Each structure stands twice: as C-alpha cells, then as structure tokens.
Amino acid sequence: MTWSEVFELLSVGFQETAWMVGVATLLTAVGGLLVGVLLVLTDRGGLLPAPPVNAVLGLIVNVGRSLPFIILLVAVIPFTRAVVGTSIGTDAAIVPLTIGAIPFFARIVESALREVPADVVAAATAMGATRRQIVGKVLLREALPGLVAGLTITVIALVGYSAMAGVVGGGGLGDLAIRYGYQRFETEVMIATVVALVVLVQVVQMVGDVLARRLTRR
C-alpha cells in the first residue's frame, strides 16, 4: 500500500472519528452537566436536598462508570439498534460513546461544583438570589475553569472510546487500525493511525489548557 493510499484512508478515518467524538461530546456535555448539577443540588445541604433522588442518581452514575467501555459497547447493542436502526457505523457508535461518557463527566462536574466556596453561595442566597440564579451565575460561573478542564479530559477519553468502537465496526481511526493495521498487517496504516491519534489528543489537550487558563485569569 502506498503512502498516498494510506493518507486517503487516514483522512476518511479521521473525519469519522471527529464526527463521533464531536457529537458525543455535545450530548455528553449537556447530559453530564445536568446530572452533575442534580447530584450537587439534591445532596444533603444542597439547594434542593433530596437524599433518595441523590442516592438513585449516584447509583446510576457509579454503575455507568464501573463498566469497561468494550463491555458497555456490546451490552447496549439492542438499545443502539432501537435508536439508530443499526449497530454498525459511526452514527451507531455515538450512542454507546455518549452513554459511557455521561457518568464520567457527571462526576467531574460534581467535583468542580463542590470546589466553589460555600461562602460565595451563602452570600448569593443572602442577597436574595433564586436557586436558578445561584446555579447559573454562581456555581457554574465559578466552576467554569474546572468544567472546561474536565470536558477536555472527557473528550480525550471519548477519542480512546471511539478507537475501541472500531472493534465492532464503529468506523473511525480505530476501525482503520484494526482492519488494515492488524488484520492485513499493513504496518504503514498502523503507524499513521497511532500518529494521528497522538496528534489529535495533543491538540485537544492544548486547546483545553489554553481555555481553562484564560477562564482562570478572568
């Protein structure tokens, strides 16, 4: 296989990986942020204390985090087929990617929100701020640098998950490495895939670090 053919395959695989990770990141950011905020609000001493709800949410998150992604990938195939209509391809891979990443990011959100000083929340409450204002203008705003750093970690984890999705025909760089680099012993493809994944992760980490630092200075 020539290098021009390798780069052509790599371009397609990169686009598929970018699509899977991009869509899964958006869905994870929304879902994980919602679950993380609820974990903080419903805890004892929170703005909406509800220990039973908090316990159920915590259990669901813990179960989601305890499953290795490759097992989750296979376990949710019936659900994936019901949602997307197929269990193969990049669109199908987005479903388990999102399910696997939401609990991960939810705990990061919870941890970042708990780092907000209690005095800041108490001051906002004393000034008559509503719960919605406290969450949106105090908790989330104060925790924004940590949330950005956490989302960066989540995106990098999703890149790794997307590579594993290639095992079951999920497409992307992982599928490329398995089908050509491993099964067909195309060393050039394997090397190119590894380099592409390393570069992708480095770029994501650099962008996330820059954004987090800028938000911290503000």
Protein backbone atom coordinates (compact mmCIF):
# COMPACT_ATOMS: atom_id res chain seq x y z
CA MET A 1 0.00 0.00 0.00
CA THR A 2 1.39 3.40 -0.98
CA TRP A 3 1.53 6.36 1.39
CA SER A 4 -0.97 8.25 -0.76
CA GLU A 5 -3.47 5.43 -0.22
CA VAL A 6 -2.66 5.44 3.49
CA PHE A 7 -3.33 9.17 3.76
CA GLU A 8 -6.61 8.78 1.87
CA LEU A 9 -7.76 6.11 4.31
CA LEU A 10 -6.50 8.19 7.20
CA SER A 11 -8.48 11.21 6.04
CA VAL A 12 -11.72 9.23 5.99
CA GLY A 13 -10.98 7.64 9.36
CA PHE A 14 -10.14 11.00 10.91
CA GLN A 15 -13.39 12.55 9.67
CA GLU A 16 -15.40 9.63 11.10
CA THR A 17 -13.61 9.91 14.44
CA ALA A 18 -14.15 13.67 14.54
CA TRP A 19 -17.87 13.19 13.84
CA MET A 20 -18.30 10.51 16.52
CA VAL A 21 -16.33 12.38 19.16
CA GLY A 22 -17.85 15.78 18.29
CA VAL A 23 -21.49 14.69 18.53
CA ALA A 24 -20.84 12.51 21.59
CA THR A 25 -19.07 15.45 23.27
CA LEU A 26 -22.06 17.76 22.74
CA LEU A 27 -24.50 15.19 24.10
CA THR A 28 -22.19 14.33 26.99
CA ALA A 29 -21.68 17.98 27.91
CA VAL A 30 -25.44 18.52 28.18
CA GLY A 31 -26.27 15.23 29.88
CA GLY A 32 -23.26 15.17 32.19
CA LEU A 33 -23.75 18.79 33.24
CA LEU A 34 -27.41 18.14 34.07
CA VAL A 35 -26.66 15.00 36.08
CA GLY A 36 -23.69 16.61 37.85
CA VAL A 37 -25.71 19.65 38.87
CA LEU A 38 -28.53 17.43 40.14
CA LEU A 39 -26.05 15.41 42.20
CA VAL A 40 -24.91 18.59 43.94
CA LEU A 41 -28.36 20.14 44.35
CA THR A 42 -30.04 17.02 45.76
CA ASP A 43 -27.28 16.19 48.22
CA ARG A 44 -27.73 16.82 51.93
CA GLY A 45 -27.15 20.52 52.47
CA GLY A 46 -27.78 21.29 48.81
CA LEU A 47 -30.20 23.80 47.38
CA LEU A 48 -32.77 21.05 46.70
CA PRO A 49 -31.95 18.36 49.27
CA ALA A 50 -33.47 15.03 48.25
CA PRO A 51 -31.32 12.15 49.56
CA PRO A 52 -33.36 9.38 47.87
CA VAL A 53 -33.05 11.05 44.47
CA ASN A 54 -29.36 11.68 45.08
CA ALA A 55 -28.80 8.04 46.03
CA VAL A 56 -30.52 6.77 42.87
CA LEU A 57 -28.58 9.18 40.65
CA GLY A 58 -25.34 8.26 42.37
CA LEU A 59 -26.03 4.56 41.87
CA ILE A 60 -26.77 5.01 38.18
CA VAL A 61 -23.61 7.06 37.69
CA ASN A 62 -21.49 4.53 39.57
CA VAL A 63 -22.87 1.64 37.53
CA GLY A 64 -22.15 3.52 34.32
CA ARG A 65 -18.59 4.25 35.40
CA SER A 66 -17.90 0.71 36.57
CA LEU A 67 -18.48 -0.93 33.17
CA PRO A 68 -15.48 -1.17 30.83
CA PHE A 69 -16.40 0.55 27.59
CA ILE A 70 -15.88 -2.52 25.41
CA ILE A 71 -18.46 -4.40 27.52
CA LEU A 72 -20.86 -1.45 27.51
CA LEU A 73 -20.45 -1.23 23.75
CA VAL A 74 -21.76 -4.76 23.31
CA ALA A 75 -24.35 -4.58 26.11
CA VAL A 76 -26.22 -1.62 24.61
CA ILE A 77 -26.36 -3.01 21.06
CA PRO A 78 -30.15 -3.66 21.29
CA PHE A 79 -30.72 -0.10 22.53
CA THR A 80 -28.41 1.30 19.85
CA ARG A 81 -30.30 -0.61 17.16
CA ALA A 82 -33.62 0.69 18.52
CA VAL A 83 -32.41 4.31 18.50
CA VAL A 84 -30.37 4.46 15.29
CA GLY A 85 -31.72 1.46 13.37
CA THR A 86 -28.34 -0.26 13.20
CA SER A 87 -25.49 -1.27 15.48
CA ILE A 88 -22.73 -0.71 12.92
CA GLY A 89 -21.23 2.54 11.72
CA THR A 90 -20.28 5.93 13.12
CA ASP A 91 -23.83 7.03 13.94
CA ALA A 92 -24.41 3.83 15.89
CA ALA A 93 -21.14 4.29 17.81
CA ILE A 94 -22.30 7.69 19.09
CA VAL A 95 -24.93 6.02 21.31
CA PRO A 96 -22.58 3.92 23.49
CA LEU A 97 -19.98 6.69 23.44
CA THR A 98 -22.50 9.08 24.98
CA ILE A 99 -23.84 6.54 27.47
CA GLY A 100 -20.32 5.72 28.60
CA ALA A 101 -19.13 9.32 28.87
CA ILE A 102 -22.08 10.97 30.65
CA PRO A 103 -21.43 9.30 34.05
CA PHE A 104 -17.72 10.10 33.73
CA PHE A 105 -18.31 13.78 33.03
CA ALA A 106 -21.11 13.99 35.63
CA ARG A 107 -18.67 13.13 38.41
CA ILE A 108 -16.22 15.71 37.10
CA VAL A 109 -18.99 18.33 37.11
CA GLU A 110 -19.98 17.33 40.64
CA SER A 111 -16.39 17.63 41.84
CA ALA A 112 -15.90 21.04 40.16
CA LEU A 113 -19.11 22.44 41.66
CA ARG A 114 -18.17 21.26 45.15
CA GLU A 115 -14.96 23.27 44.87
CA VAL A 116 -16.97 26.51 44.81
CA PRO A 117 -16.60 28.11 48.27
CA ALA A 118 -19.70 27.77 50.41
CA ASP A 119 -19.35 31.43 51.44
CA VAL A 120 -19.96 32.53 47.85
CA VAL A 121 -23.19 30.52 47.69
CA ALA A 122 -24.26 31.80 51.12
CA ALA A 123 -23.63 35.40 50.05
CA ALA A 124 -25.73 34.96 46.92
CA THR A 125 -28.52 33.41 48.98
CA ALA A 126 -28.41 36.29 51.47
CA MET A 127 -28.73 38.76 48.59
CA GLY A 128 -31.99 37.10 47.54
CA ALA A 129 -30.75 35.15 44.54
CA THR A 130 -33.05 32.36 43.33
CA ARG A 131 -31.89 28.77 43.01
CA ARG A 132 -31.67 29.15 39.25
CA GLN A 133 -29.53 32.27 39.60
CA ILE A 134 -27.27 30.58 42.13
CA VAL A 135 -26.72 27.61 39.82
CA GLY A 136 -26.24 29.64 36.63
CA LYS A 137 -24.48 32.76 37.89
CA VAL A 138 -22.60 31.45 40.90
CA LEU A 139 -21.91 27.72 40.83
CA LEU A 140 -21.39 27.22 37.10
CA ARG A 141 -19.59 30.53 36.61
CA GLU A 142 -17.18 29.97 39.49
CA ALA A 143 -16.54 26.38 38.45
CA LEU A 144 -16.12 27.16 34.73
CA PRO A 145 -12.32 26.64 34.54
CA GLY A 146 -12.66 23.26 36.22
CA LEU A 147 -15.57 22.33 33.97
CA VAL A 148 -13.56 23.18 30.84
CA ALA A 149 -10.60 21.15 32.12
CA GLY A 150 -12.94 18.27 32.91
CA LEU A 151 -14.56 18.42 29.49
CA THR A 152 -11.10 18.29 27.93
CA ILE A 153 -10.36 15.09 29.84
CA THR A 154 -13.72 13.71 28.73
CA VAL A 155 -13.06 14.48 25.06
CA ILE A 156 -9.72 12.67 25.26
CA ALA A 157 -11.45 9.70 26.88
CA LEU A 158 -14.01 9.75 24.04
CA VAL A 159 -11.18 9.59 21.50
CA GLY A 160 -9.99 6.40 23.20
CA TYR A 161 -13.54 5.04 23.36
CA SER A 162 -14.06 5.76 19.66
CA ALA A 163 -10.95 3.73 18.83
CA MET A 164 -12.41 0.79 20.76
CA ALA A 165 -15.68 1.19 18.86
CA GLY A 166 -13.77 0.13 15.76
CA VAL A 167 -13.71 -3.41 17.17
CA VAL A 168 -17.41 -3.79 16.36
CA GLY A 169 -17.39 -1.85 13.11
CA GLY A 170 -17.89 1.60 14.56
CA GLY A 171 -15.68 3.23 11.95
CA GLY A 172 -13.05 5.87 12.56
CA LEU A 173 -9.34 5.55 13.21
CA GLY A 174 -9.79 2.53 15.48
CA ASP A 175 -11.61 0.60 12.78
CA LEU A 176 -8.88 1.59 10.32
CA ALA A 177 -6.13 0.32 12.61
CA ILE A 178 -7.89 -2.99 13.21
CA ARG A 179 -8.95 -3.76 9.64
CA TYR A 180 -5.75 -2.68 7.92
CA GLY A 181 -3.02 -2.42 10.54
CA TYR A 182 -3.86 -5.59 12.49
CA GLN A 183 -5.84 -7.93 10.24
CA ARG A 184 -3.98 -7.14 7.00
CA PHE A 185 -0.58 -6.45 8.59
CA GLU A 186 -0.31 -3.03 6.93
CA THR A 187 2.36 -1.51 9.17
CA GLU A 188 2.15 1.88 7.47
CA VAL A 189 -1.53 2.19 8.32
CA MET A 190 -0.93 1.28 11.95
CA ILE A 191 1.87 3.82 12.29
CA ALA A 192 -0.16 6.55 10.60
CA THR A 193 -3.17 5.81 12.83
CA VAL A 194 -1.11 5.96 16.01
CA VAL A 195 0.44 9.27 14.95
CA ALA A 196 -2.99 10.71 14.05
CA LEU A 197 -4.44 9.73 17.44
CA VAL A 198 -1.48 11.20 19.32
CA VAL A 199 -1.72 14.47 17.38
CA LEU A 200 -5.48 14.65 17.91
CA VAL A 201 -5.16 14.15 21.66
CA GLN A 202 -2.34 16.70 21.92
CA VAL A 203 -4.37 19.33 20.05
CA VAL A 204 -7.44 18.74 22.23
CA GLN A 205 -5.35 18.96 25.42
CA MET A 206 -3.60 22.15 24.29
CA VAL A 207 -6.86 23.87 23.38
CA GLY A 208 -8.47 22.81 26.66
CA ASP A 209 -5.49 24.01 28.72
CA VAL A 210 -5.48 27.41 26.99
CA LEU A 211 -9.21 27.91 27.55
CA ALA A 212 -9.00 26.83 31.20
CA ARG A 213 -6.09 29.22 31.89
CA ARG A 214 -7.87 32.15 30.26
CA LEU A 215 -11.03 31.50 32.25
CA THR A 216 -8.99 31.24 35.47
CA ARG A 217 -7.37 34.64 34.87
CA ARG A 218 -10.77 36.22 34.44
